[in-house]
Amino acid sequence: MDYNALADLLLPEINKTPDYYENLYPARNLPEGARVTRIAPSPTGYLHLGVLFAALVNRITATSTDGIFFTRIEDTDKKREVAGGIEDIISGLHRFGITIDEGFISGTEQKGEYGPYQQSHREEIYKTYVKELIRQGLAYPCFCTAEELAEVREIQEAQKIRTGYHGEWAKHRNITLEETEALLSEGKPFVIRLKSPGNEANKIVFEDTIKGKIEMPENDEDFVLLKSDGIPTYHFAHAVDDHLMHTTHVLRGDEWISSVPKHIQLFKLLGFKVPKYGHISPIMKLDGGAKRKISKRKDPEAAVHFFAEQGYMSEAVINYLMTVASSDFEDWRRANPDTSYKEFKFNLKKMSVSGALFDENKLLDVSKTMVAKLNSVEVYNMLTDWAKEYDEEFFGILTADPEYTKSVLAIDRDVPKPRKDI
């Protein structure tokens, strides 16, 4: 098989090599031990509490090591994209004091030397690395239709065989150059799949920076790298992006644990250094005595807009989330009541491996403590800012006589020991 000819046949428009991008995005000049972290949300809706929590964990991890925290927009799923989604996410992070070193710093503005930080603008980069895999005989075209794949799945399920495109079920795994040319001449659409060298009987072991040692079967599935429209899958795009952006720690939701064998295999086949993976347990909620993940559909607090609308101070929400993120943060906060949470030495090993419960009473207590430290002028300014956005009638009452309002707010406040219950 002439793999060079196959690569040129499938991706004739790509004339760069991976070396071009390796030189374009050199290693970062950072102190030893500095961690490079990121969040990579999809602009498919509002800023979710889980994304804010993951952003906080990534931000504090970078801060604690004099590292870099960046934002990358993973917008390869154009069907689910929501207008204004990027702006909502980035402005939400700013509202809660999550500072961004690099990447998207507003809905339209990016900064940094490792961009573009938007996957839909990186198509040529992905295709360059896919073409190299084809040259090495590690990727191939698949012309299966959705109907054919569904039929294979039905047969596998009927025979109680593990579903997926692997082994004998990988119809085009050994497709020839001539067969490819013939199908292309017929105008048949195709995807590019990884030619996995894995064996499910083998095990991979990796050290999750949050959950500890995890052992899983090796990946043997020939999963899709490039879809028929030329857009990469998440699996492939994140591997190329995190390598070229020199991400050291990929800290993400634990729903991605099942994909780690695919991701580690990809990094190794591409010749990349595998980043450290850490999987964050979801914030849970009690529902009828049972724990469940906070739901976008069921729980208003799933959207971070909820906290702004209810009048919570952004700093209070973040300090509460720090108690969720680290088991020793509360002790540190008691010992350092007036110090920014950013000074806390965060340790991923102190995170819950099973998921902490959302506790609104605890959030209220954190809020009381922080509001009690404010003077009457600060409370007046924050309160009128809130009312202006969320309660026009109340805003009119508050601002009709500002000095009188401030004197009311000063009751048992502008004193050495202000009351927390007001």
Protein backbone atom coordinates (compact mmCIF):
# COMPACT_ATOMS: atom_id res chain seq x y z
CA MET A 1 0.00 0.00 0.00
CA ASP A 2 1.36 3.41 -0.99
CA TYR A 3 0.26 5.42 2.04
CA ASN A 4 1.77 8.65 0.69
CA ALA A 5 -0.41 8.34 -2.41
CA LEU A 6 -3.47 7.61 -0.22
CA ALA A 7 -2.77 10.70 1.91
CA ASP A 8 -2.42 12.93 -1.16
CA LEU A 9 -5.57 11.44 -2.68
CA LEU A 10 -7.68 12.13 0.42
CA LEU A 11 -6.25 15.51 1.45
CA PRO A 12 -4.67 17.04 -1.67
CA GLU A 13 -5.09 20.60 -0.39
CA ILE A 14 -2.79 20.04 2.62
CA ASN A 15 0.86 20.83 1.82
CA LYS A 16 2.25 21.63 5.28
CA THR A 17 3.80 19.06 7.61
CA PRO A 18 3.45 18.73 11.40
CA ASP A 19 6.96 20.19 11.76
CA TYR A 20 5.60 23.51 10.49
CA TYR A 21 3.21 23.74 13.44
CA GLU A 22 5.71 22.34 15.94
CA ASN A 23 7.97 25.28 15.05
CA LEU A 24 5.08 27.77 14.98
CA TYR A 25 4.03 26.87 18.54
CA PRO A 26 7.26 26.33 20.53
CA ALA A 27 7.39 25.20 24.15
CA ARG A 28 6.29 27.82 26.68
CA ASN A 29 8.92 29.67 28.69
CA LEU A 30 7.57 29.02 32.20
CA PRO A 31 9.15 28.26 35.59
CA GLU A 32 9.67 24.61 36.48
CA GLY A 33 6.51 23.03 37.85
CA ALA A 34 4.22 25.65 36.32
CA ARG A 35 0.97 24.08 35.16
CA VAL A 36 -0.84 25.06 31.98
CA THR A 37 -4.58 24.46 32.26
CA ARG A 38 -7.64 25.38 30.26
CA ILE A 39 -11.35 25.14 29.91
CA ALA A 40 -12.72 24.39 26.47
CA PRO A 41 -16.50 24.92 26.52
CA SER A 42 -18.86 24.56 23.59
CA PRO A 43 -21.01 27.65 22.87
CA THR A 44 -24.21 25.60 23.00
CA GLY A 45 -25.96 27.48 25.81
CA TYR A 46 -25.56 29.49 28.99
CA LEU A 47 -22.67 29.25 31.45
CA HIS A 48 -23.38 26.16 33.53
CA LEU A 49 -22.40 25.78 37.20
CA GLY A 50 -20.28 22.77 36.23
CA VAL A 51 -18.30 24.85 33.72
CA LEU A 52 -17.77 27.62 36.30
CA PHE A 53 -16.59 25.02 38.82
CA ALA A 54 -14.21 23.42 36.32
CA ALA A 55 -12.91 26.89 35.37
CA LEU A 56 -12.25 27.67 39.04
CA VAL A 57 -10.35 24.38 39.54
CA ASN A 58 -8.26 25.00 36.42
CA ARG A 59 -7.66 28.68 37.31
CA ILE A 60 -6.55 27.98 40.90
CA THR A 61 -4.36 25.07 39.73
CA ALA A 62 -2.52 27.39 37.35
CA THR A 63 -2.37 30.23 39.90
CA SER A 64 -0.91 27.97 42.62
CA THR A 65 2.01 27.02 40.35
CA ASP A 66 2.65 30.36 38.57
CA GLY A 67 1.24 28.79 35.43
CA ILE A 68 -1.16 29.75 32.64
CA PHE A 69 -4.93 29.36 32.41
CA PHE A 70 -6.49 29.76 28.97
CA THR A 71 -9.87 29.46 27.29
CA ARG A 72 -10.46 27.58 24.05
CA ILE A 73 -13.80 27.39 22.27
CA GLU A 74 -14.71 23.93 20.98
CA ASP A 75 -17.30 24.82 18.36
CA THR A 76 -17.15 21.85 16.02
CA ASP A 77 -20.82 21.00 16.73
CA LYS A 78 -22.33 23.81 14.68
CA LYS A 79 -25.87 22.36 14.83
CA ARG A 80 -26.11 22.95 18.60
CA GLU A 81 -24.31 26.31 18.68
CA VAL A 82 -26.26 29.19 20.24
CA ALA A 83 -25.90 32.81 19.10
CA GLY A 84 -24.02 34.78 21.74
CA GLY A 85 -22.89 31.59 23.47
CA ILE A 86 -19.19 32.52 23.55
CA GLU A 87 -19.94 35.98 24.99
CA ASP A 88 -22.23 34.51 27.66
CA ILE A 89 -19.57 32.04 28.82
CA ILE A 90 -16.64 34.47 28.85
CA SER A 91 -18.58 37.36 30.43
CA GLY A 92 -19.90 34.91 33.05
CA LEU A 93 -16.35 33.91 33.97
CA HIS A 94 -15.39 37.59 34.28
CA ARG A 95 -18.44 38.27 36.47
CA PHE A 96 -17.23 35.63 38.93
CA GLY A 97 -13.66 36.89 38.96
CA ILE A 98 -12.11 34.09 36.90
CA THR A 99 -9.19 35.85 35.22
CA ILE A 100 -8.10 34.55 31.82
CA ASP A 101 -4.42 34.67 30.87
CA GLU A 102 -4.82 33.61 27.25
CA GLY A 103 -7.39 32.60 24.66
CA PHE A 104 -10.84 34.15 24.48
CA ILE A 105 -11.04 37.15 26.79
CA SER A 106 -14.40 38.36 25.40
CA GLY A 107 -16.96 37.08 22.93
CA THR A 108 -14.88 38.34 20.01
CA GLU A 109 -11.36 39.03 21.31
CA GLN A 110 -8.50 36.55 21.70
CA LYS A 111 -5.00 37.03 23.03
CA GLY A 112 -1.95 34.79 23.12
CA GLU A 113 0.66 33.24 20.86
CA TYR A 114 -0.92 29.78 20.52
CA GLY A 115 -4.17 30.63 18.70
CA PRO A 116 -6.52 30.67 17.04
CA TYR A 117 -8.30 29.50 20.19
CA GLN A 118 -11.41 28.39 18.31
CA GLN A 119 -11.55 24.93 16.76
CA SER A 120 -13.58 25.97 13.72
CA HIS A 121 -10.61 28.19 12.71
CA ARG A 122 -8.02 25.41 13.01
CA GLU A 123 -9.18 23.04 10.26
CA GLU A 124 -5.91 23.11 8.31
CA ILE A 125 -3.95 22.22 11.46
CA TYR A 126 -6.09 19.14 12.16
CA LYS A 127 -5.95 17.97 8.56
CA THR A 128 -2.16 18.29 8.55
CA TYR A 129 -1.85 15.87 11.46
CA VAL A 130 -4.49 13.52 10.02
CA LYS A 131 -2.58 13.44 6.76
CA GLU A 132 0.57 12.46 8.63
CA LEU A 133 -1.29 9.58 10.34
CA ILE A 134 -2.49 8.39 6.91
CA ARG A 135 1.12 8.52 5.62
CA GLN A 136 2.14 6.30 8.53
CA GLY A 137 -0.64 3.78 7.85
CA LEU A 138 -2.38 4.78 11.10
CA ALA A 139 -5.53 6.26 9.57
CA TYR A 140 -7.78 5.40 6.62
CA PRO A 141 -10.98 6.45 4.83
CA CYS A 142 -14.29 4.84 5.74
CA PHE A 143 -17.18 5.06 3.29
CA CYS A 144 -19.82 3.35 5.46
CA THR A 145 -23.23 4.99 5.43
CA ALA A 146 -25.22 5.69 8.61
CA GLU A 147 -27.57 2.86 7.59
CA GLU A 148 -24.70 0.39 7.25
CA LEU A 149 -23.31 1.34 10.65
CA ALA A 150 -26.76 0.99 12.24
CA GLU A 151 -27.15 -2.45 10.66
CA VAL A 152 -23.78 -3.57 12.05
CA ARG A 153 -24.79 -2.33 15.48
CA GLU A 154 -28.03 -4.32 15.36
CA ILE A 155 -26.12 -7.50 14.46
CA GLN A 156 -23.60 -6.91 17.26
CA GLU A 157 -26.38 -6.35 19.79
CA ALA A 158 -28.25 -9.46 18.63
CA GLN A 159 -25.07 -11.53 18.99
CA LYS A 160 -24.25 -9.83 22.32
CA ILE A 161 -20.97 -8.54 20.88
CA ARG A 162 -19.47 -5.24 22.02
CA THR A 163 -20.77 -2.57 19.66
CA GLY A 164 -18.46 -0.36 17.67
CA TYR A 165 -16.23 -0.14 14.61
CA HIS A 166 -13.43 -2.54 15.55
CA GLY A 167 -11.76 -5.76 14.45
CA GLU A 168 -13.69 -7.71 11.82
CA TRP A 169 -16.48 -5.09 11.96
CA ALA A 170 -14.15 -2.38 10.62
CA LYS A 171 -15.25 -2.81 7.00
CA HIS A 172 -12.79 -0.42 5.35
CA ARG A 173 -9.80 -1.04 7.62
CA ASN A 174 -7.77 -2.60 4.82
CA ILE A 175 -9.17 -0.61 1.90
CA THR A 176 -6.84 -0.41 -1.09
CA LEU A 177 -5.75 2.67 -2.99
CA GLU A 178 -7.68 1.46 -6.04
CA GLU A 179 -10.88 0.89 -4.03
CA THR A 180 -10.54 4.35 -2.54
CA GLU A 181 -10.09 5.95 -5.96
CA ALA A 182 -13.17 4.15 -7.29
CA LEU A 183 -15.39 5.21 -4.41
CA LEU A 184 -14.14 8.80 -4.60
CA SER A 185 -14.88 8.89 -8.35
CA GLU A 186 -18.48 7.92 -7.49
CA GLY A 187 -18.67 10.93 -5.17
CA LYS A 188 -19.11 8.79 -2.06
CA PRO A 189 -18.71 10.76 1.21
CA PHE A 190 -16.17 9.44 3.71
CA VAL A 191 -14.75 9.95 7.18
CA ILE A 192 -11.18 9.38 8.31
CA ARG A 193 -10.78 6.79 11.05
CA LEU A 194 -7.87 5.90 13.29
CA LYS A 195 -6.38 2.49 12.54
CA SER A 196 -6.12 1.48 16.17
CA PRO A 197 -3.27 -0.91 17.06
CA GLY A 198 -4.95 -1.60 20.43
CA ASN A 199 -6.25 -4.82 21.92
CA GLU A 200 -9.14 -4.80 24.38
CA ALA A 201 -7.52 -7.72 26.24
CA ASN A 202 -4.67 -5.40 27.24
CA LYS A 203 -4.98 -2.89 30.08
CA ILE A 204 -3.85 0.70 30.35
CA VAL A 205 -3.08 2.21 33.73
CA PHE A 206 -2.94 5.94 34.34
CA GLU A 207 -2.68 8.13 37.41
CA ASP A 208 -5.65 10.47 37.56
CA THR A 209 -4.52 13.61 39.41
CA ILE A 210 -7.85 13.70 41.29
CA LYS A 211 -9.12 10.11 41.47
CA GLY A 212 -5.81 8.27 41.71
CA LYS A 213 -4.82 5.10 39.84
CA ILE A 214 -7.30 3.97 37.16
CA GLU A 215 -7.05 0.80 35.07
CA MET A 216 -9.06 0.36 31.87
CA PRO A 217 -9.10 -1.83 28.73
CA GLU A 218 -6.93 -0.55 25.89
CA ASN A 219 -8.78 1.08 23.00
CA ASP A 220 -9.22 -1.08 19.91
CA GLU A 221 -11.93 0.97 18.21
CA ASP A 222 -11.22 2.63 14.89
CA PHE A 223 -12.94 5.83 15.93
CA VAL A 224 -13.51 8.82 13.64
CA LEU A 225 -10.84 11.53 13.46
CA LEU A 226 -12.34 13.71 10.73
CA LYS A 227 -16.04 13.77 9.92
CA SER A 228 -17.32 13.79 6.33
CA ASP A 229 -17.52 17.61 6.36
CA GLY A 230 -13.82 17.83 7.28
CA ILE A 231 -14.52 18.86 10.87
CA PRO A 232 -12.58 16.90 13.52
CA THR A 233 -14.15 14.97 16.37
CA TYR A 234 -13.57 16.16 19.93
CA HIS A 235 -11.20 13.24 20.53
CA PHE A 236 -8.82 14.27 17.76
CA ALA A 237 -9.12 18.04 18.02
CA HIS A 238 -8.39 18.17 21.75
CA ALA A 239 -5.27 16.02 21.34
CA VAL A 240 -3.80 18.28 18.66
CA ASP A 241 -4.84 21.47 20.46
CA ASP A 242 -3.59 20.49 23.91
CA HIS A 243 -0.28 19.40 22.42
CA LEU A 244 0.30 22.57 20.39
CA MET A 245 -0.92 24.81 23.22
CA HIS A 246 1.33 22.89 25.65
CA THR A 247 -1.42 22.06 28.13
CA THR A 248 0.17 20.17 31.03
CA HIS A 249 -3.02 19.25 32.94
CA VAL A 250 -6.38 18.41 31.37
CA LEU A 251 -8.87 18.87 34.23
CA ARG A 252 -12.41 18.13 33.05
CA GLY A 253 -15.69 16.46 34.01
CA ASP A 254 -15.53 12.79 34.93
CA GLU A 255 -17.93 11.87 32.11
CA TRP A 256 -14.74 11.84 29.99
CA ILE A 257 -13.03 9.03 31.93
CA SER A 258 -14.34 6.40 29.50
CA SER A 259 -12.57 8.23 26.64
CA VAL A 260 -9.12 8.29 28.27
CA PRO A 261 -7.92 5.07 26.54
CA LYS A 262 -8.70 6.67 23.17
CA HIS A 263 -6.99 9.90 24.14
CA ILE A 264 -3.82 8.35 25.53
CA GLN A 265 -3.56 6.13 22.45
CA LEU A 266 -3.96 9.16 20.17
CA PHE A 267 -1.29 11.18 21.96
CA LYS A 268 1.17 8.31 21.70
CA LEU A 269 0.46 7.55 18.03
CA LEU A 270 0.87 11.24 17.19
CA GLY A 271 4.20 11.27 19.02
CA PHE A 272 2.95 13.75 21.64
CA LYS A 273 3.69 13.82 25.35
CA VAL A 274 0.56 12.69 27.21
CA PRO A 275 -0.77 15.42 29.55
CA LYS A 276 -1.81 14.72 33.12
CA TYR A 277 -5.51 13.96 33.29
CA GLY A 278 -7.73 14.83 36.24
CA HIS A 279 -11.45 14.14 36.27
CA ILE A 280 -13.71 16.41 38.30
CA SER A 281 -16.72 14.84 39.98
CA PRO A 282 -19.99 16.68 39.30
CA ILE A 283 -21.70 18.86 41.88
CA MET A 284 -24.59 16.79 43.19
CA LYS A 285 -28.01 17.53 44.62
CA LEU A 286 -30.29 15.59 46.97
CA ASP A 287 -33.55 14.64 45.30
CA GLY A 288 -35.96 12.52 47.33
CA GLY A 289 -33.11 11.27 49.49
CA ALA A 290 -31.00 10.20 46.50
CA LYS A 291 -27.96 11.98 45.04
CA ARG A 292 -28.05 13.12 41.44
CA LYS A 293 -26.05 15.44 39.24
CA ILE A 294 -27.34 19.03 39.08
CA SER A 295 -29.54 19.20 35.99
CA LYS A 296 -29.91 22.01 33.46
CA ARG A 297 -33.57 21.05 33.05
CA LYS A 298 -34.56 20.61 36.70
CA ASP A 299 -32.43 22.98 38.77
CA PRO A 300 -32.41 26.79 38.42
CA GLU A 301 -29.00 26.95 40.16
CA ALA A 302 -27.50 24.97 37.27
CA ALA A 303 -27.27 28.29 35.40
CA VAL A 304 -24.89 30.74 37.02
CA HIS A 305 -27.33 33.53 36.05
CA PHE A 306 -29.37 32.23 39.01
CA PHE A 307 -26.80 33.47 41.53
CA ALA A 308 -26.65 36.92 39.96
CA GLU A 309 -30.45 37.19 39.87
CA GLN A 310 -30.71 36.13 43.53
CA GLY A 311 -28.23 38.83 44.50
CA TYR A 312 -25.33 36.65 45.64
CA MET A 313 -21.95 38.36 45.60
CA SER A 314 -19.74 36.75 42.96
CA GLU A 315 -16.94 36.47 45.51
CA ALA A 316 -19.24 34.59 47.90
CA VAL A 317 -20.18 32.05 45.21
CA ILE A 318 -16.51 31.48 44.37
CA ASN A 319 -15.52 31.10 48.03
CA TYR A 320 -18.36 28.60 48.48
CA LEU A 321 -17.21 26.64 45.41
CA MET A 322 -13.69 26.59 46.88
CA THR A 323 -15.12 24.72 49.90
CA VAL A 324 -16.59 22.23 47.42
CA ALA A 325 -13.30 21.98 45.51
CA SER A 326 -10.96 21.42 48.46
CA SER A 327 -11.57 19.66 51.76
CA ASP A 328 -9.11 21.90 53.63
CA PHE A 329 -10.22 25.29 52.26
CA GLU A 330 -12.61 26.05 55.15
CA ASP A 331 -9.85 25.63 57.75
CA TRP A 332 -7.59 27.87 55.68
CA ARG A 333 -10.33 30.49 55.33
CA ARG A 334 -10.90 30.56 59.12
CA ALA A 335 -7.18 31.10 59.64
CA ASN A 336 -7.01 33.70 56.84
CA PRO A 337 -10.37 35.53 56.90
CA ASP A 338 -9.22 38.58 54.95
CA THR A 339 -6.92 36.92 52.41
CA SER A 340 -7.93 36.35 48.77
CA TYR A 341 -8.77 32.74 47.96
CA LYS A 342 -6.16 33.03 45.21
CA GLU A 343 -3.46 32.80 47.89
CA PHE A 344 -4.70 29.34 48.92
CA LYS A 345 -2.27 26.54 47.95
CA PHE A 346 -4.65 24.30 46.05
CA ASN A 347 -4.03 20.54 45.86
CA LEU A 348 -5.97 18.38 43.38
CA LYS A 349 -5.63 15.40 45.74
CA LYS A 350 -7.92 17.19 48.21
CA MET A 351 -10.85 17.11 45.79
CA SER A 352 -13.85 14.83 46.27
CA VAL A 353 -13.66 11.67 44.15
CA SER A 354 -17.41 11.04 44.31
CA GLY A 355 -18.99 14.49 43.95
CA ALA A 356 -19.92 17.03 46.63
CA LEU A 357 -23.48 18.09 47.38
CA PHE A 358 -24.69 21.59 46.52
CA ASP A 359 -25.63 23.16 49.85
CA GLU A 360 -27.48 26.47 49.54
CA ASN A 361 -27.53 26.93 53.32
CA LYS A 362 -23.75 26.81 53.33
CA LEU A 363 -23.63 29.26 50.44
CA LEU A 364 -25.89 31.60 52.45
CA ASP A 365 -23.58 31.33 55.46
CA VAL A 366 -20.51 32.14 53.33
CA SER A 367 -22.45 35.09 51.87
CA LYS A 368 -23.45 36.42 55.32
CA THR A 369 -19.83 36.36 56.46
CA MET A 370 -18.68 38.29 53.40
CA VAL A 371 -21.53 40.83 53.37
CA ALA A 372 -20.95 41.53 57.09
CA LYS A 373 -17.47 42.82 56.22
CA LEU A 374 -18.82 45.45 53.84
CA ASN A 375 -19.49 49.02 54.96
CA SER A 376 -22.80 50.75 54.24
CA VAL A 377 -21.50 52.55 51.15
CA GLU A 378 -20.22 49.29 49.62
CA VAL A 379 -23.55 47.58 50.34
CA TYR A 380 -25.44 50.54 48.86
CA ASN A 381 -23.37 50.44 45.66
CA MET A 382 -23.73 46.68 45.23
CA LEU A 383 -27.42 46.70 46.10
CA THR A 384 -28.30 49.51 43.69
CA ASP A 385 -26.24 47.88 40.91
CA TRP A 386 -28.22 44.69 41.46
CA ALA A 387 -31.61 46.44 41.66
CA LYS A 388 -30.92 48.47 38.53
CA GLU A 389 -30.55 45.23 36.58
CA TYR A 390 -33.14 43.02 38.29
CA ASP A 391 -35.72 45.16 40.16
CA GLU A 392 -36.43 48.62 38.73
CA GLU A 393 -39.09 49.49 41.32
CA PHE A 394 -36.74 48.68 44.20
CA PHE A 395 -33.97 50.65 42.46
CA GLY A 396 -36.22 53.70 42.42
CA ILE A 397 -36.93 53.38 46.15
CA LEU A 398 -33.25 52.90 47.04
CA THR A 399 -32.02 55.86 45.00
CA ALA A 400 -34.81 58.34 45.83
CA ASP A 401 -32.81 59.47 48.88
CA PRO A 402 -29.34 57.86 48.73
CA GLU A 403 -28.12 59.26 52.07
CA TYR A 404 -31.21 58.00 53.90
CA THR A 405 -30.79 54.53 52.31
CA LYS A 406 -27.12 54.43 53.35
CA SER A 407 -28.06 55.38 56.93
CA VAL A 408 -30.56 52.49 57.02
CA LEU A 409 -27.94 50.09 55.68
CA ALA A 410 -25.45 51.34 58.30
CA ILE A 411 -27.59 50.05 61.22
CA ASP A 412 -25.42 47.60 63.21
CA ARG A 413 -23.01 47.56 60.24
CA ASP A 414 -20.49 50.41 60.49
CA VAL A 415 -19.42 49.14 63.92
CA PRO A 416 -16.46 47.04 65.17
CA LYS A 417 -18.55 43.82 65.28
CA PRO A 418 -21.24 44.00 62.58
CA ARG A 419 -24.17 41.59 62.77
CA LYS A 420 -24.23 38.76 60.22
CA ASP A 421 -27.99 38.26 60.34
CA ILE A 422 -28.94 41.59 58.74
